[in-house]
């Protein structure tokens, strides 16, 4: 019964979506909103790192490079991406070196440690 009561209490809480620059300043940006800190830093999150590449030749639709991930610790995982991943993969190197890369972080009370994308 206790579980149902907790679920009823959090049923009205909306997911949090934060969009921050994907660079070494990401952590400062994520910590700015005091109200959303719990969902971003104390629950598993899903995140997207993306960069707009421009438009294709045959259409005006923009093209993007996107990485989708999940983590229990968004600060640690982002540091890992910024530090290590660009050394071994060219697609990550491009995201890390772009001045326009953004990161979308999604937090929700219903995300569990076994959340799958």
PDB file of N, CA and C in Angstrom:
ATOM      1  N   UNK A   1       0.803  -1.202   0.000  1.00  0.00           N
ATOM      2  CA  UNK A   1       0.000   0.000   0.000  1.00  0.00           C
ATOM      3  C   UNK A   1       0.845   1.264   0.000  1.00  0.00           C
ATOM      4  N   UNK A   2       1.946   1.236   0.694  1.00  0.00           N
ATOM      5  CA  UNK A   2       2.802   2.421   0.769  1.00  0.00           C
ATOM      6  C   UNK A   2       3.270   2.853  -0.615  1.00  0.00           C
ATOM      7  N   UNK A   3       3.603   1.894  -1.466  1.00  0.00           N
ATOM      8  CA  UNK A   3       4.077   2.212  -2.810  1.00  0.00           C
ATOM      9  C   UNK A   3       3.022   2.983  -3.594  1.00  0.00           C
ATOM     10  N   UNK A   4       1.760   2.573  -3.508  1.00  0.00           N
ATOM     11  CA  UNK A   4       0.696   3.277  -4.216  1.00  0.00           C
ATOM     12  C   UNK A   4       0.563   4.717  -3.734  1.00  0.00           C
ATOM     13  N   UNK A   5       0.707   4.934  -2.438  1.00  0.00           N
ATOM     14  CA  UNK A   5       0.601   6.285  -1.903  1.00  0.00           C
ATOM     15  C   UNK A   5       1.713   7.180  -2.448  1.00  0.00           C
ATOM     16  N   UNK A   6       2.934   6.657  -2.499  1.00  0.00           N
ATOM     17  CA  UNK A   6       4.047   7.434  -3.058  1.00  0.00           C
ATOM     18  C   UNK A   6       3.780   7.742  -4.522  1.00  0.00           C
ATOM     19  N   UNK A   7       3.320   6.751  -5.267  1.00  0.00           N
ATOM     20  CA  UNK A   7       3.048   6.943  -6.690  1.00  0.00           C
ATOM     21  C   UNK A   7       1.989   8.025  -6.901  1.00  0.00           C
ATOM     22  N   UNK A   8       0.966   8.053  -6.052  1.00  0.00           N
ATOM     23  CA  UNK A   8      -0.062   9.081  -6.161  1.00  0.00           C
ATOM     24  C   UNK A   8       0.522  10.466  -5.921  1.00  0.00           C
ATOM     25  N   UNK A   9       1.447  10.584  -4.990  1.00  0.00           N
ATOM     26  CA  UNK A   9       2.036  11.882  -4.673  1.00  0.00           C
ATOM     27  C   UNK A   9       2.894  12.422  -5.807  1.00  0.00           C
ATOM     28  N   UNK A  10       3.583  11.558  -6.533  1.00  0.00           N
ATOM     29  CA  UNK A  10       4.469  12.058  -7.585  1.00  0.00           C
ATOM     30  C   UNK A  10       3.803  12.064  -8.957  1.00  0.00           C
ATOM     31  N   UNK A  11       2.569  11.575  -9.031  1.00  0.00           N
ATOM     32  CA  UNK A  11       1.875  11.524 -10.313  1.00  0.00           C
ATOM     33  C   UNK A  11       1.669  12.883 -10.953  1.00  0.00           C
ATOM     34  N   UNK A  12       1.617  13.928 -10.152  1.00  0.00           N
ATOM     35  CA  UNK A  12       1.390  15.269 -10.685  1.00  0.00           C
ATOM     36  C   UNK A  12       2.675  15.996 -11.052  1.00  0.00           C
ATOM     37  N   UNK A  13       3.822  15.389 -10.782  1.00  0.00           N
ATOM     38  CA  UNK A  13       5.099  16.051 -11.048  1.00  0.00           C
ATOM     39  C   UNK A  13       5.520  15.787 -12.481  1.00  0.00           C
ATOM     40  N   UNK A  14       5.785  16.843 -13.194  1.00  0.00           N
ATOM     41  CA  UNK A  14       6.159  16.750 -14.604  1.00  0.00           C
ATOM     42  C   UNK A  14       7.639  16.392 -14.765  1.00  0.00           C
ATOM     43  N   UNK A  15       7.991  15.741 -15.861  1.00  0.00           N
ATOM     44  CA  UNK A  15       9.403  15.506 -16.151  1.00  0.00           C
ATOM     45  C   UNK A  15      10.132  16.840 -16.322  1.00  0.00           C
ATOM     46  N   UNK A  16      11.426  16.805 -16.141  1.00  0.00           N
ATOM     47  CA  UNK A  16      12.262  17.989 -16.303  1.00  0.00           C
ATOM     48  C   UNK A  16      13.066  17.831 -17.588  1.00  0.00           C
ATOM     49  N   UNK A  17      13.104  18.879 -18.393  1.00  0.00           N
ATOM     50  CA  UNK A  17      13.918  18.889 -19.603  1.00  0.00           C
ATOM     51  C   UNK A  17      14.802  20.126 -19.543  1.00  0.00           C
ATOM     52  N   UNK A  18      16.094  19.906 -19.488  1.00  0.00           N
ATOM     53  CA  UNK A  18      17.064  21.008 -19.448  1.00  0.00           C
ATOM     54  C   UNK A  18      17.885  20.983 -20.732  1.00  0.00           C
ATOM     55  N   UNK A  19      18.079  22.127 -21.342  1.00  0.00           N
ATOM     56  CA  UNK A  19      18.938  22.245 -22.525  1.00  0.00           C
ATOM     57  C   UNK A  19      20.103  23.135 -22.140  1.00  0.00           C
ATOM     58  N   UNK A  20      21.311  22.578 -22.250  1.00  0.00           N
ATOM     59  CA  UNK A  20      22.517  23.303 -21.837  1.00  0.00           C
ATOM     60  C   UNK A  20      23.577  23.157 -22.921  1.00  0.00           C
ATOM     61  N   UNK A  21      24.540  24.079 -22.960  1.00  0.00           N
ATOM     62  CA  UNK A  21      25.641  23.921 -23.907  1.00  0.00           C
ATOM     63  C   UNK A  21      26.424  22.643 -23.588  1.00  0.00           C
ATOM     64  N   UNK A  22      26.844  21.944 -24.619  1.00  0.00           N
ATOM     65  CA  UNK A  22      27.676  20.762 -24.417  1.00  0.00           C
ATOM     66  C   UNK A  22      29.133  21.198 -24.456  1.00  0.00           C
ATOM     67  N   UNK A  23      29.615  21.593 -23.296  1.00  0.00           N
ATOM     68  CA  UNK A  23      31.009  22.002 -23.122  1.00  0.00           C
ATOM     69  C   UNK A  23      31.320  21.928 -21.631  1.00  0.00           C
ATOM     70  N   UNK A  24      32.474  22.384 -21.233  1.00  0.00           N
ATOM     71  CA  UNK A  24      32.876  22.258 -19.823  1.00  0.00           C
ATOM     72  C   UNK A  24      31.994  23.069 -18.879  1.00  0.00           C
ATOM     73  N   UNK A  25      31.177  23.966 -19.392  1.00  0.00           N
ATOM     74  CA  UNK A  25      30.276  24.752 -18.551  1.00  0.00           C
ATOM     75  C   UNK A  25      28.928  24.096 -18.307  1.00  0.00           C
ATOM     76  N   UNK A  26      28.751  22.859 -18.776  1.00  0.00           N
ATOM     77  CA  UNK A  26      27.456  22.180 -18.655  1.00  0.00           C
ATOM     78  C   UNK A  26      26.984  22.098 -17.197  1.00  0.00           C
ATOM     79  N   UNK A  27      27.895  21.830 -16.267  1.00  0.00           N
ATOM     80  CA  UNK A  27      27.520  21.588 -14.879  1.00  0.00           C
ATOM     81  C   UNK A  27      26.965  22.852 -14.225  1.00  0.00           C
ATOM     82  N   UNK A  28      27.561  23.981 -14.523  1.00  0.00           N
ATOM     83  CA  UNK A  28      27.059  25.253 -13.982  1.00  0.00           C
ATOM     84  C   UNK A  28      25.645  25.494 -14.495  1.00  0.00           C
ATOM     85  N   UNK A  29      25.437  25.246 -15.772  1.00  0.00           N
ATOM     86  CA  UNK A  29      24.109  25.456 -16.357  1.00  0.00           C
ATOM     87  C   UNK A  29      23.067  24.528 -15.742  1.00  0.00           C
ATOM     88  N   UNK A  30      23.430  23.261 -15.522  1.00  0.00           N
ATOM     89  CA  UNK A  30      22.477  22.320 -14.931  1.00  0.00           C
ATOM     90  C   UNK A  30      22.141  22.658 -13.481  1.00  0.00           C
ATOM     91  N   UNK A  31      23.081  23.247 -12.765  1.00  0.00           N
ATOM     92  CA  UNK A  31      22.849  23.576 -11.353  1.00  0.00           C
ATOM     93  C   UNK A  31      22.081  24.890 -11.156  1.00  0.00           C
ATOM     94  N   UNK A  32      21.860  25.647 -12.208  1.00  0.00           N
ATOM     95  CA  UNK A  32      21.186  26.946 -12.069  1.00  0.00           C
ATOM     96  C   UNK A  32      19.756  26.818 -11.552  1.00  0.00           C
ATOM     97  N   UNK A  33      19.031  25.838 -12.023  1.00  0.00           N
ATOM     98  CA  UNK A  33      17.625  25.692 -11.649  1.00  0.00           C
ATOM     99  C   UNK A  33      17.513  24.834 -10.395  1.00  0.00           C
ATOM    100  N   UNK A  34      17.407  25.467  -9.257  1.00  0.00           N
ATOM    101  CA  UNK A  34      17.360  24.774  -7.970  1.00  0.00           C
ATOM    102  C   UNK A  34      16.153  23.833  -7.873  1.00  0.00           C
ATOM    103  N   UNK A  35      15.050  24.190  -8.502  1.00  0.00           N
ATOM    104  CA  UNK A  35      13.827  23.412  -8.405  1.00  0.00           C
ATOM    105  C   UNK A  35      13.976  22.045  -9.090  1.00  0.00           C
ATOM    106  N   UNK A  36      14.773  21.965 -10.151  1.00  0.00           N
ATOM    107  CA  UNK A  36      14.885  20.731 -10.920  1.00  0.00           C
ATOM    108  C   UNK A  36      16.109  19.891 -10.567  1.00  0.00           C
ATOM    109  N   UNK A  37      16.896  20.330  -9.639  1.00  0.00           N
ATOM    110  CA  UNK A  37      18.141  19.622  -9.313  1.00  0.00           C
ATOM    111  C   UNK A  37      17.922  18.172  -8.916  1.00  0.00           C
ATOM    112  N   UNK A  38      16.885  17.913  -8.133  1.00  0.00           N
ATOM    113  CA  UNK A  38      16.668  16.550  -7.651  1.00  0.00           C
ATOM    114  C   UNK A  38      16.481  15.567  -8.812  1.00  0.00           C
ATOM    115  N   UNK A  39      15.627  15.916  -9.762  1.00  0.00           N
ATOM    116  CA  UNK A  39      15.383  15.004 -10.883  1.00  0.00           C
ATOM    117  C   UNK A  39      16.602  14.853 -11.786  1.00  0.00           C
ATOM    118  N   UNK A  40      17.413  15.869 -11.895  1.00  0.00           N
ATOM    119  CA  UNK A  40      18.588  15.803 -12.771  1.00  0.00           C
ATOM    120  C   UNK A  40      19.746  15.070 -12.094  1.00  0.00           C
ATOM    121  N   UNK A  41      19.955  15.304 -10.816  1.00  0.00           N
ATOM    122  CA  UNK A  41      21.153  14.775 -10.160  1.00  0.00           C
ATOM    123  C   UNK A  41      20.919  13.577  -9.239  1.00  0.00           C
ATOM    124  N   UNK A  42      19.682  13.287  -8.881  1.00  0.00           N
ATOM    125  CA  UNK A  42      19.445  12.186  -7.953  1.00  0.00           C
ATOM    126  C   UNK A  42      18.640  11.041  -8.552  1.00  0.00           C
ATOM    127  N   UNK A  43      18.259  11.146  -9.803  1.00  0.00           N
ATOM    128  CA  UNK A  43      17.537  10.102 -10.515  1.00  0.00           C
ATOM    129  C   UNK A  43      18.280   9.804 -11.814  1.00  0.00           C
ATOM    130  N   UNK A  44      18.070   8.615 -12.369  1.00  0.00           N
ATOM    131  CA  UNK A  44      18.647   8.356 -13.693  1.00  0.00           C
ATOM    132  C   UNK A  44      18.092   9.356 -14.710  1.00  0.00           C
ATOM    133  N   UNK A  45      18.896   9.680 -15.694  1.00  0.00           N
ATOM    134  CA  UNK A  45      18.464  10.609 -16.732  1.00  0.00           C
ATOM    135  C   UNK A  45      18.709  10.000 -18.113  1.00  0.00           C
ATOM    136  N   UNK A  46      17.970  10.508 -19.071  1.00  0.00           N
ATOM    137  CA  UNK A  46      18.209  10.241 -20.486  1.00  0.00           C
ATOM    138  C   UNK A  46      18.731  11.554 -21.041  1.00  0.00           C
ATOM    139  N   UNK A  47      19.726  11.479 -21.919  1.00  0.00           N
ATOM    140  CA  UNK A  47      20.297  12.708 -22.455  1.00  0.00           C
ATOM    141  C   UNK A  47      20.578  12.571 -23.936  1.00  0.00           C
ATOM    142  N   UNK A  48      20.529  13.696 -24.626  1.00  0.00           N
ATOM    143  CA  UNK A  48      20.856  13.770 -26.046  1.00  0.00           C
ATOM    144  C   UNK A  48      21.924  14.830 -26.211  1.00  0.00           C
ATOM    145  N   UNK A  49      22.965  14.503 -26.934  1.00  0.00           N
ATOM    146  CA  UNK A  49      23.995  15.471 -27.281  1.00  0.00           C
ATOM    147  C   UNK A  49      23.907  15.631 -28.789  1.00  0.00           C
ATOM    148  N   UNK A  50      23.776  16.865 -29.238  1.00  0.00           N
ATOM    149  CA  UNK A  50      23.558  17.054 -30.674  1.00  0.00           C
ATOM    150  C   UNK A  50      24.254  18.309 -31.184  1.00  0.00           C
ATOM    151  N   UNK A  51      24.443  18.302 -32.492  1.00  0.00           N
ATOM    152  CA  UNK A  51      25.013  19.455 -33.173  1.00  0.00           C
ATOM    153  C   UNK A  51      24.350  19.556 -34.540  1.00  0.00           C
ATOM    154  N   UNK A  52      23.951  20.739 -34.906  1.00  0.00           N
ATOM    155  CA  UNK A  52      23.359  20.965 -36.221  1.00  0.00           C
ATOM    156  C   UNK A  52      24.477  21.007 -37.249  1.00  0.00           C
ATOM    157  N   UNK A  53      24.339  20.203 -38.293  1.00  0.00           N
ATOM    158  CA  UNK A  53      25.380  20.099 -39.311  1.00  0.00           C
ATOM    159  C   UNK A  53      25.122  20.980 -40.516  1.00  0.00           C
ATOM    160  N   UNK A  54      23.936  21.521 -40.643  1.00  0.00           N
ATOM    161  CA  UNK A  54      23.582  22.321 -41.818  1.00  0.00           C
ATOM    162  C   UNK A  54      22.437  21.652 -42.546  1.00  0.00           C
ATOM    163  N   UNK A  55      22.146  22.105 -43.736  1.00  0.00           N
ATOM    164  CA  UNK A  55      21.056  21.544 -44.534  1.00  0.00           C
ATOM    165  C   UNK A  55      21.627  20.621 -45.595  1.00  0.00           C
ATOM    166  N   UNK A  56      20.817  19.651 -45.962  1.00  0.00           N
ATOM    167  CA  UNK A  56      21.211  18.749 -47.038  1.00  0.00           C
ATOM    168  C   UNK A  56      21.125  19.445 -48.383  1.00  0.00           C
ATOM    169  N   UNK A  57      21.770  18.869 -49.377  1.00  0.00           N
ATOM    170  CA  UNK A  57      21.764  19.470 -50.712  1.00  0.00           C
ATOM    171  C   UNK A  57      20.386  19.466 -51.355  1.00  0.00           C
ATOM    172  N   UNK A  58      19.625  18.394 -51.119  1.00  0.00           N
ATOM    173  CA  UNK A  58      18.355  18.252 -51.824  1.00  0.00           C
ATOM    174  C   UNK A  58      17.159  18.815 -51.064  1.00  0.00           C
ATOM    175  N   UNK A  59      17.369  19.311 -49.859  1.00  0.00           N
ATOM    176  CA  UNK A  59      16.233  19.865 -49.119  1.00  0.00           C
ATOM    177  C   UNK A  59      16.709  20.952 -48.163  1.00  0.00           C
ATOM    178  N   UNK A  60      15.741  21.648 -47.621  1.00  0.00           N
ATOM    179  CA  UNK A  60      16.046  22.687 -46.635  1.00  0.00           C
ATOM    180  C   UNK A  60      15.988  22.149 -45.217  1.00  0.00           C
ATOM    181  N   UNK A  61      15.719  20.856 -45.069  1.00  0.00           N
ATOM    182  CA  UNK A  61      15.657  20.256 -43.738  1.00  0.00           C
ATOM    183  C   UNK A  61      17.042  20.240 -43.114  1.00  0.00           C
ATOM    184  N   UNK A  62      17.151  20.687 -41.880  1.00  0.00           N
ATOM    185  CA  UNK A  62      18.461  20.669 -41.219  1.00  0.00           C
ATOM    186  C   UNK A  62      18.918  19.242 -40.931  1.00  0.00           C
ATOM    187  N   UNK A  63      20.212  19.044 -40.908  1.00  0.00           N
ATOM    188  CA  UNK A  63      20.816  17.748 -40.587  1.00  0.00           C
ATOM    189  C   UNK A  63      21.490  17.866 -39.225  1.00  0.00           C
ATOM    190  N   UNK A  64      21.406  16.816 -38.430  1.00  0.00           N
ATOM    191  CA  UNK A  64      21.972  16.824 -37.090  1.00  0.00           C
ATOM    192  C   UNK A  64      22.821  15.587 -36.860  1.00  0.00           C
ATOM    193  N   UNK A  65      23.820  15.735 -35.999  1.00  0.00           N
ATOM    194  CA  UNK A  65      24.550  14.605 -35.438  1.00  0.00           C
ATOM    195  C   UNK A  65      24.042  14.492 -34.008  1.00  0.00           C
ATOM    196  N   UNK A  66      23.537  13.298 -33.613  1.00  0.00           N
ATOM    197  CA  UNK A  66      22.900  13.141 -32.312  1.00  0.00           C
ATOM    198  C   UNK A  66      23.400  11.869 -31.633  1.00  0.00           C
ATOM    199  N   UNK A  67      23.666  11.975 -30.334  1.00  0.00           N
ATOM    200  CA  UNK A  67      23.973  10.821 -29.498  1.00  0.00           C
ATOM    201  C   UNK A  67      22.917  10.777 -28.402  1.00  0.00           C
ATOM    202  N   UNK A  68      22.351   9.612 -28.155  1.00  0.00           N
ATOM    203  CA  UNK A  68      21.360   9.432 -27.092  1.00  0.00           C
ATOM    204  C   UNK A  68      21.940   8.466 -26.068  1.00  0.00           C
ATOM    205  N   UNK A  69      21.876   8.851 -24.796  1.00  0.00           N
ATOM    206  CA  UNK A  69      22.419   7.998 -23.747  1.00  0.00           C
ATOM    207  C   UNK A  69      21.557   8.033 -22.507  1.00  0.00           C
ATOM    208  N   UNK A  70      21.897   7.170 -21.577  1.00  0.00           N
ATOM    209  CA  UNK A  70      21.246   7.140 -20.272  1.00  0.00           C
ATOM    210  C   UNK A  70      22.324   6.975 -19.217  1.00  0.00           C
ATOM    211  N   UNK A  71      22.072   7.527 -18.038  1.00  0.00           N
ATOM    212  CA  UNK A  71      23.069   7.449 -16.979  1.00  0.00           C
ATOM    213  C   UNK A  71      22.426   7.641 -15.615  1.00  0.00           C
ATOM    214  N   UNK A  72      23.098   7.160 -14.606  1.00  0.00           N
ATOM    215  CA  UNK A  72      22.686   7.411 -13.227  1.00  0.00           C
ATOM    216  C   UNK A  72      23.392   8.628 -12.651  1.00  0.00           C
ATOM    217  N   UNK A  73      24.384   9.155 -13.379  1.00  0.00           N
ATOM    218  CA  UNK A  73      25.177  10.292 -12.899  1.00  0.00           C
ATOM    219  C   UNK A  73      25.546  11.169 -14.091  1.00  0.00           C
ATOM    220  N   UNK A  74      24.700  12.140 -14.386  1.00  0.00           N
ATOM    221  CA  UNK A  74      24.882  12.965 -15.589  1.00  0.00           C
ATOM    222  C   UNK A  74      26.176  13.770 -15.533  1.00  0.00           C
ATOM    223  N   UNK A  75      26.588  14.219 -14.369  1.00  0.00           N
ATOM    224  CA  UNK A  75      27.836  15.000 -14.275  1.00  0.00           C
ATOM    225  C   UNK A  75      29.042  14.137 -14.638  1.00  0.00           C
ATOM    226  N   UNK A  76      29.130  12.958 -14.037  1.00  0.00           N
ATOM    227  CA  UNK A  76      30.265  12.068 -14.297  1.00  0.00           C
ATOM    228  C   UNK A  76      30.291  11.636 -15.766  1.00  0.00           C
ATOM    229  N   UNK A  77      29.124  11.262 -16.304  1.00  0.00           N
ATOM    230  CA  UNK A  77      29.071  10.765 -17.683  1.00  0.00           C
ATOM    231  C   UNK A  77      29.435  11.860 -18.683  1.00  0.00           C
ATOM    232  N   UNK A  78      28.987  13.065 -18.453  1.00  0.00           N
ATOM    233  CA  UNK A  78      29.322  14.161 -19.362  1.00  0.00           C
ATOM    234  C   UNK A  78      30.819  14.460 -19.312  1.00  0.00           C
ATOM    235  N   UNK A  79      31.403  14.450 -18.117  1.00  0.00           N
ATOM    236  CA  UNK A  79      32.861  14.636 -18.008  1.00  0.00           C
ATOM    237  C   UNK A  79      33.602  13.564 -18.798  1.00  0.00           C
ATOM    238  N   UNK A  80      33.115  12.322 -18.707  1.00  0.00           N
ATOM    239  CA  UNK A  80      33.748  11.231 -19.460  1.00  0.00           C
ATOM    240  C   UNK A  80      33.671  11.488 -20.957  1.00  0.00           C
ATOM    241  N   UNK A  81      32.508  11.893 -21.422  1.00  0.00           N
ATOM    242  CA  UNK A  81      32.360  12.176 -22.854  1.00  0.00           C
ATOM    243  C   UNK A  81      33.308  13.290 -23.297  1.00  0.00           C
ATOM    244  N   UNK A  82      33.353  14.351 -22.536  1.00  0.00           N
ATOM    245  CA  UNK A  82      34.192  15.491 -22.911  1.00  0.00           C
ATOM    246  C   UNK A  82      35.680  15.160 -22.858  1.00  0.00           C
ATOM    247  N   UNK A  83      36.075  14.320 -21.918  1.00  0.00           N
ATOM    248  CA  UNK A  83      37.490  14.023 -21.721  1.00  0.00           C
ATOM    249  C   UNK A  83      38.002  12.891 -22.605  1.00  0.00           C
ATOM    250  N   UNK A  84      37.294  11.786 -22.620  1.00  0.00           N
ATOM    251  CA  UNK A  84      37.832  10.565 -23.211  1.00  0.00           C
ATOM    252  C   UNK A  84      37.311  10.207 -24.596  1.00  0.00           C
ATOM    253  N   UNK A  85      36.037  10.384 -24.818  1.00  0.00           N
ATOM    254  CA  UNK A  85      35.429   9.843 -26.024  1.00  0.00           C
ATOM    255  C   UNK A  85      35.972  10.474 -27.296  1.00  0.00           C
ATOM    256  N   UNK A  86      36.297  11.734 -27.272  1.00  0.00           N
ATOM    257  CA  UNK A  86      36.795  12.410 -28.466  1.00  0.00           C
ATOM    258  C   UNK A  86      38.156  11.928 -28.920  1.00  0.00           C
ATOM    259  N   UNK A  87      38.871  11.246 -28.049  1.00  0.00           N
ATOM    260  CA  UNK A  87      40.190  10.742 -28.410  1.00  0.00           C
ATOM    261  C   UNK A  87      40.115   9.527 -29.330  1.00  0.00           C
ATOM    262  N   UNK A  88      39.040   8.761 -29.220  1.00  0.00           N
ATOM    263  CA  UNK A  88      38.967   7.504 -29.959  1.00  0.00           C
ATOM    264  C   UNK A  88      37.950   7.497 -31.098  1.00  0.00           C
ATOM    265  N   UNK A  89      37.040   8.450 -31.126  1.00  0.00           N
ATOM    266  CA  UNK A  89      36.002   8.446 -32.157  1.00  0.00           C
ATOM    267  C   UNK A  89      35.893   9.814 -32.794  1.00  0.00           C
ATOM    268  N   UNK A  90      35.891   9.841 -34.102  1.00  0.00           N
ATOM    269  CA  UNK A  90      35.822  11.105 -34.840  1.00  0.00           C
ATOM    270  C   UNK A  90      34.467  11.803 -34.664  1.00  0.00           C
ATOM    271  N   UNK A  91      33.390  11.030 -34.568  1.00  0.00           N
ATOM    272  CA  UNK A  91      32.086  11.673 -34.392  1.00  0.00           C
ATOM    273  C   UNK A  91      32.018  12.412 -33.053  1.00  0.00           C
ATOM    274  N   UNK A  92      32.614  11.831 -32.012  1.00  0.00           N
ATOM    275  CA  UNK A  92      32.650  12.506 -30.716  1.00  0.00           C
ATOM    276  C   UNK A  92      33.600  13.695 -30.738  1.00  0.00           C
ATOM    277  N   UNK A  93      34.684  13.549 -31.445  1.00  0.00           N
ATOM    278  CA  UNK A  93      35.626  14.668 -31.542  1.00  0.00           C
ATOM    279  C   UNK A  93      34.916  15.887 -32.139  1.00  0.00           C
ATOM    280  N   UNK A  94      34.105  15.656 -33.165  1.00  0.00           N
ATOM    281  CA  UNK A  94      33.364  16.759 -33.792  1.00  0.00           C
ATOM    282  C   UNK A  94      32.371  17.385 -32.809  1.00  0.00           C
ATOM    283  N   UNK A  95      31.662  16.563 -32.047  1.00  0.00           N
ATOM    284  CA  UNK A  95      30.729  17.105 -31.054  1.00  0.00           C
ATOM    285  C   UNK A  95      31.478  17.889 -29.979  1.00  0.00           C
ATOM    286  N   UNK A  96      32.600  17.346 -29.525  1.00  0.00           N
ATOM    287  CA  UNK A  96      33.372  18.001 -28.462  1.00  0.00           C
ATOM    288  C   UNK A  96      33.983  19.319 -28.908  1.00  0.00           C
ATOM    289  N   UNK A  97      34.366  19.422 -30.176  1.00  0.00           N
ATOM    290  CA  UNK A  97      35.040  20.628 -30.653  1.00  0.00           C
ATOM    291  C   UNK A  97      34.090  21.687 -31.196  1.00  0.00           C
ATOM    292  N   UNK A  98      32.835  21.316 -31.422  1.00  0.00           N
ATOM    293  CA  UNK A  98      31.864  22.271 -31.951  1.00  0.00           C
ATOM    294  C   UNK A  98      31.501  23.304 -30.885  1.00  0.00           C
ATOM    295  N   UNK A  99      31.348  24.542 -31.315  1.00  0.00           N
ATOM    296  CA  UNK A  99      30.916  25.610 -30.399  1.00  0.00           C
ATOM    297  C   UNK A  99      29.392  25.695 -30.311  1.00  0.00           C
ATOM    298  N   UNK A 100      28.708  24.861 -31.110  1.00  0.00           N
ATOM    299  CA  UNK A 100      27.250  24.903 -31.154  1.00  0.00           C
ATOM    300  C   UNK A 100      26.584  23.664 -30.572  1.00  0.00           C
ATOM    301  N   UNK A 101      27.349  22.693 -30.117  1.00  0.00           N
ATOM    302  CA  UNK A 101      26.765  21.469 -29.564  1.00  0.00           C
ATOM    303  C   UNK A 101      25.935  21.787 -28.332  1.00  0.00           C
ATOM    304  N   UNK A 102      24.814  21.091 -28.217  1.00  0.00           N
ATOM    305  CA  UNK A 102      23.911  21.259 -27.087  1.00  0.00           C
ATOM    306  C   UNK A 102      23.660  19.898 -26.452  1.00  0.00           C
ATOM    307  N   UNK A 103      23.240  19.919 -25.189  1.00  0.00           N
ATOM    308  CA  UNK A 103      22.866  18.694 -24.499  1.00  0.00           C
ATOM    309  C   UNK A 103      21.477  18.889 -23.899  1.00  0.00           C
ATOM    310  N   UNK A 104      20.596  17.942 -24.185  1.00  0.00           N
ATOM    311  CA  UNK A 104      19.264  17.922 -23.595  1.00  0.00           C
ATOM    312  C   UNK A 104      19.275  16.833 -22.530  1.00  0.00           C
ATOM    313  N   UNK A 105      18.927  17.187 -21.299  1.00  0.00           N
ATOM    314  CA  UNK A 105      18.898  16.231 -20.193  1.00  0.00           C
ATOM    315  C   UNK A 105      17.453  16.117 -19.725  1.00  0.00           C
ATOM    316  N   UNK A 106      16.968  14.878 -19.649  1.00  0.00           N
ATOM    317  CA  UNK A 106      15.586  14.629 -19.266  1.00  0.00           C
ATOM    318  C   UNK A 106      15.581  13.831 -17.964  1.00  0.00           C
ATOM    319  N   UNK A 107      14.922  14.383 -16.947  1.00  0.00           N
ATOM    320  CA  UNK A 107      14.775  13.702 -15.666  1.00  0.00           C
ATOM    321  C   UNK A 107      13.313  13.466 -15.370  1.00  0.00           C
ATOM    322  N   UNK A 108      13.015  12.325 -14.771  1.00  0.00           N
ATOM    323  CA  UNK A 108      11.630  11.991 -14.450  1.00  0.00           C
ATOM    324  C   UNK A 108      11.618  11.084 -13.226  1.00  0.00           C
ATOM    325  N   UNK A 109      10.665  11.267 -12.350  1.00  0.00           N
ATOM    326  CA  UNK A 109      10.543  10.417 -11.164  1.00  0.00           C
ATOM    327  C   UNK A 109      10.334   8.953 -11.540  1.00  0.00           C
ATOM    328  N   UNK A 110       9.793   8.683 -12.712  1.00  0.00           N
ATOM    329  CA  UNK A 110       9.520   7.308 -13.107  1.00  0.00           C
ATOM    330  C   UNK A 110      10.715   6.615 -13.756  1.00  0.00           C
ATOM    331  N   UNK A 111      11.793   7.323 -14.021  1.00  0.00           N
ATOM    332  CA  UNK A 111      12.980   6.662 -14.560  1.00  0.00           C
ATOM    333  C   UNK A 111      13.561   5.777 -13.477  1.00  0.00           C
ATOM    334  N   UNK A 112      13.887   4.597 -13.838  1.00  0.00           N
ATOM    335  CA  UNK A 112      14.468   3.640 -12.900  1.00  0.00           C
ATOM    336  C   UNK A 112      15.887   3.331 -13.360  1.00  0.00           C
ATOM    337  N   UNK A 113      16.675   2.719 -12.511  1.00  0.00           N
ATOM    338  CA  UNK A 113      18.043   2.355 -12.857  1.00  0.00           C
ATOM    339  C   UNK A 113      18.086   1.400 -14.044  1.00  0.00           C
ATOM    340  N   UNK A 114      17.019   0.642 -14.261  1.00  0.00           N
ATOM    341  CA  UNK A 114      17.011  -0.280 -15.382  1.00  0.00           C
ATOM    342  C   UNK A 114      16.299   0.303 -16.607  1.00  0.00           C
ATOM    343  N   UNK A 115      16.111   1.618 -16.634  1.00  0.00           N
ATOM    344  CA  UNK A 115      15.497   2.305 -17.749  1.00  0.00           C
ATOM    345  C   UNK A 115      16.270   2.029 -19.031  1.00  0.00           C
ATOM    346  N   UNK A 116      15.589   1.681 -20.078  1.00  0.00           N
ATOM    347  CA  UNK A 116      16.232   1.399 -21.356  1.00  0.00           C
ATOM    348  C   UNK A 116      15.702   2.364 -22.399  1.00  0.00           C
ATOM    349  N   UNK A 117      16.570   2.709 -23.302  1.00  0.00           N
ATOM    350  CA  UNK A 117      16.186   3.625 -24.381  1.00  0.00           C
ATOM    351  C   UNK A 117      15.526   2.837 -25.481  1.00  0.00           C
TER     352      UNK A 117
END
